[in-house]
Structures are given as structure tokens and as C-alpha cells.
Amino acid sequence: MAKMPLVYNDAGHWRTRASQTRRIAAGMTDPFARSRMLEIAERYDKIADRAVERLEAHARGAASIV
């Protein structure tokens, strides 16, 4: 059975979600809704940052074993 990819470790996935969310926000006319969408995009960016941190920490840990 194929292993499912761990999307929470995929920074590119979260950066794409942030970009898509910003595009949607750009088309909104309601300032409150637009603001909330931009907040969501920022959170996606933070998730992406954390994914990078996890992968870097994992790589450092693996490098120290070798």
C-alpha cells in the first residue's frame, strides 16, 4: 500500500494555499471578509514556515547520525 504524503510537511502546498487565498481576497468587496481572508493567508504562510522548520530540524538530526 502506498504511503500517504504528509501535507503538513509540504511548505509548497501551504504557500500555494496562501497565494490562492490572497487572490480570492483581492476580488472581494466586503472589507471585513477581505481582511479575514488575508488573515487566513497569513496563517497558511506560518504553517509553511513551520513545515520548513520541521524539515530542517529533521535534516539536522539525520545529519548528526551519519
N, C-alpha and C. Protein backbone atom coordinates (compact mmCIF):
# COMPACT_ATOMS: atom_id res chain seq x y z
N MET A 1 0.85 -1.18 0.00
CA MET A 1 0.00 0.00 0.00
C MET A 1 0.90 1.24 0.00
N ALA A 2 0.57 2.21 -0.84
CA ALA A 2 1.34 3.45 -0.94
C ALA A 2 1.13 4.30 0.30
N LYS A 3 2.19 4.92 0.75
CA LYS A 3 2.11 5.79 1.93
C LYS A 3 1.56 7.16 1.52
N MET A 4 0.63 7.67 2.30
CA MET A 4 0.06 8.98 2.02
C MET A 4 1.10 10.06 2.32
N PRO A 5 1.20 11.07 1.45
CA PRO A 5 2.16 12.15 1.72
C PRO A 5 1.70 12.97 2.94
N LEU A 6 2.66 13.46 3.67
CA LEU A 6 2.35 14.27 4.84
C LEU A 6 2.25 15.73 4.41
N VAL A 7 1.04 16.16 4.11
CA VAL A 7 0.82 17.50 3.58
C VAL A 7 1.24 18.57 4.58
N TYR A 8 1.19 18.27 5.85
CA TYR A 8 1.57 19.29 6.82
C TYR A 8 3.07 19.59 6.78
N ASN A 9 3.86 18.73 6.15
CA ASN A 9 5.29 18.99 5.98
C ASN A 9 5.62 19.58 4.61
N ASP A 10 4.61 19.83 3.80
CA ASP A 10 4.81 20.32 2.43
C ASP A 10 4.61 21.84 2.39
N ALA A 11 5.73 22.58 2.55
CA ALA A 11 5.65 24.04 2.58
C ALA A 11 5.07 24.59 1.28
N GLY A 12 5.40 23.99 0.16
CA GLY A 12 4.87 24.46 -1.13
C GLY A 12 3.36 24.39 -1.19
N HIS A 13 2.79 23.35 -0.62
CA HIS A 13 1.33 23.22 -0.57
C HIS A 13 0.71 24.40 0.17
N TRP A 14 1.29 24.74 1.33
CA TRP A 14 0.72 25.82 2.14
C TRP A 14 0.96 27.19 1.52
N ARG A 15 2.10 27.37 0.84
CA ARG A 15 2.35 28.64 0.14
C ARG A 15 1.37 28.81 -1.02
N THR A 16 1.06 27.71 -1.70
CA THR A 16 0.07 27.76 -2.78
C THR A 16 -1.30 28.13 -2.23
N ARG A 17 -1.67 27.52 -1.10
CA ARG A 17 -2.95 27.85 -0.47
C ARG A 17 -3.00 29.32 -0.09
N ALA A 18 -1.90 29.85 0.45
CA ALA A 18 -1.85 31.26 0.82
C ALA A 18 -2.04 32.15 -0.40
N SER A 19 -1.35 31.81 -1.49
CA SER A 19 -1.47 32.59 -2.72
C SER A 19 -2.89 32.56 -3.27
N GLN A 20 -3.50 31.39 -3.28
CA GLN A 20 -4.88 31.27 -3.76
C GLN A 20 -5.83 32.08 -2.89
N THR A 21 -5.62 32.05 -1.60
CA THR A 21 -6.47 32.78 -0.68
C THR A 21 -6.33 34.29 -0.89
N ARG A 22 -5.11 34.74 -1.14
CA ARG A 22 -4.91 36.17 -1.42
C ARG A 22 -5.59 36.58 -2.73
N ARG A 23 -5.56 35.71 -3.73
CA ARG A 23 -6.25 36.02 -4.99
C ARG A 23 -7.75 36.15 -4.76
N ILE A 24 -8.30 35.26 -3.97
CA ILE A 24 -9.73 35.33 -3.66
C ILE A 24 -10.03 36.63 -2.91
N ALA A 25 -9.19 36.96 -1.93
CA ALA A 25 -9.39 38.18 -1.14
C ALA A 25 -9.35 39.42 -2.02
N ALA A 26 -8.47 39.41 -3.01
CA ALA A 26 -8.34 40.58 -3.90
C ALA A 26 -9.63 40.87 -4.65
N GLY A 27 -10.43 39.85 -4.88
CA GLY A 27 -11.69 40.04 -5.60
C GLY A 27 -12.87 40.36 -4.71
N MET A 28 -12.67 40.42 -3.43
CA MET A 28 -13.79 40.66 -2.50
C MET A 28 -14.02 42.15 -2.32
N THR A 29 -15.27 42.51 -2.20
CA THR A 29 -15.62 43.92 -2.00
C THR A 29 -15.91 44.24 -0.53
N ASP A 30 -16.24 43.22 0.25
CA ASP A 30 -16.53 43.43 1.67
C ASP A 30 -15.20 43.51 2.43
N PRO A 31 -14.90 44.66 3.04
CA PRO A 31 -13.62 44.83 3.73
C PRO A 31 -13.40 43.83 4.87
N PHE A 32 -14.46 43.51 5.60
CA PHE A 32 -14.34 42.55 6.69
C PHE A 32 -13.97 41.17 6.17
N ALA A 33 -14.68 40.72 5.14
CA ALA A 33 -14.41 39.41 4.55
C ALA A 33 -13.00 39.37 3.95
N ARG A 34 -12.62 40.43 3.26
CA ARG A 34 -11.27 40.50 2.67
C ARG A 34 -10.21 40.42 3.76
N SER A 35 -10.41 41.14 4.85
CA SER A 35 -9.47 41.11 5.96
C SER A 35 -9.33 39.71 6.54
N ARG A 36 -10.44 39.03 6.72
CA ARG A 36 -10.41 37.67 7.26
C ARG A 36 -9.67 36.72 6.31
N MET A 37 -9.90 36.87 5.02
CA MET A 37 -9.22 36.02 4.04
C MET A 37 -7.71 36.27 4.07
N LEU A 38 -7.32 37.51 4.23
CA LEU A 38 -5.89 37.82 4.31
C LEU A 38 -5.27 37.26 5.59
N GLU A 39 -6.04 37.25 6.66
CA GLU A 39 -5.56 36.62 7.90
C GLU A 39 -5.35 35.13 7.70
N ILE A 40 -6.27 34.50 7.00
CA ILE A 40 -6.14 33.07 6.70
C ILE A 40 -4.88 32.82 5.87
N ALA A 41 -4.65 33.68 4.88
CA ALA A 41 -3.45 33.54 4.04
C ALA A 41 -2.18 33.65 4.89
N GLU A 42 -2.18 34.57 5.83
CA GLU A 42 -1.02 34.71 6.72
C GLU A 42 -0.81 33.45 7.55
N ARG A 43 -1.89 32.86 7.99
CA ARG A 43 -1.78 31.62 8.77
C ARG A 43 -1.24 30.48 7.91
N TYR A 44 -1.65 30.43 6.65
CA TYR A 44 -1.09 29.42 5.74
C TYR A 44 0.42 29.64 5.61
N ASP A 45 0.84 30.88 5.50
CA ASP A 45 2.29 31.16 5.43
C ASP A 45 3.01 30.69 6.68
N LYS A 46 2.40 30.88 7.83
CA LYS A 46 3.01 30.43 9.09
C LYS A 46 3.11 28.91 9.13
N ILE A 47 2.08 28.24 8.63
CA ILE A 47 2.12 26.78 8.56
C ILE A 47 3.27 26.34 7.65
N ALA A 48 3.44 27.04 6.53
CA ALA A 48 4.54 26.73 5.61
C ALA A 48 5.88 26.94 6.29
N ASP A 49 6.01 28.03 7.03
CA ASP A 49 7.26 28.29 7.75
C ASP A 49 7.57 27.17 8.74
N ARG A 50 6.55 26.71 9.45
CA ARG A 50 6.73 25.62 10.41
C ARG A 50 7.11 24.32 9.71
N ALA A 51 6.54 24.08 8.53
CA ALA A 51 6.90 22.88 7.78
C ALA A 51 8.38 22.91 7.41
N VAL A 52 8.86 24.07 6.98
CA VAL A 52 10.28 24.22 6.65
C VAL A 52 11.13 23.98 7.89
N GLU A 53 10.73 24.54 9.01
CA GLU A 53 11.48 24.35 10.25
C GLU A 53 11.55 22.87 10.64
N ARG A 54 10.42 22.15 10.50
CA ARG A 54 10.41 20.73 10.84
C ARG A 54 11.36 19.95 9.94
N LEU A 55 11.31 20.24 8.64
CA LEU A 55 12.17 19.51 7.71
C LEU A 55 13.64 19.83 7.94
N GLU A 56 13.95 21.08 8.25
CA GLU A 56 15.34 21.45 8.54
C GLU A 56 15.82 20.77 9.82
N ALA A 57 14.97 20.74 10.83
CA ALA A 57 15.33 20.08 12.08
C ALA A 57 15.54 18.58 11.85
N HIS A 58 14.70 18.00 11.05
CA HIS A 58 14.83 16.57 10.73
C HIS A 58 16.14 16.32 9.98
N ALA A 59 16.47 17.18 9.03
CA ALA A 59 17.70 17.03 8.27
C ALA A 59 18.93 17.19 9.18
N ARG A 60 18.88 18.13 10.09
CA ARG A 60 19.99 18.32 11.03
C ARG A 60 20.16 17.08 11.91
N GLY A 61 19.04 16.54 12.35
CA GLY A 61 19.08 15.35 13.19
C GLY A 61 19.62 14.16 12.44
N ALA A 62 19.19 14.00 11.20
CA ALA A 62 19.67 12.89 10.37
C ALA A 62 21.14 13.06 10.05
N ALA A 63 21.59 14.29 9.83
CA ALA A 63 22.99 14.55 9.50
C ALA A 63 23.89 14.23 10.69
N SER A 64 23.37 14.44 11.89
CA SER A 64 24.22 14.18 13.06
C SER A 64 24.37 12.69 13.33
N ILE A 65 23.47 11.89 12.79
CA ILE A 65 23.54 10.44 12.96
C ILE A 65 24.63 9.85 12.07
N VAL A 66 24.82 10.45 10.89
CA VAL A 66 25.76 9.91 9.91
C VAL A 66 27.18 10.07 10.33
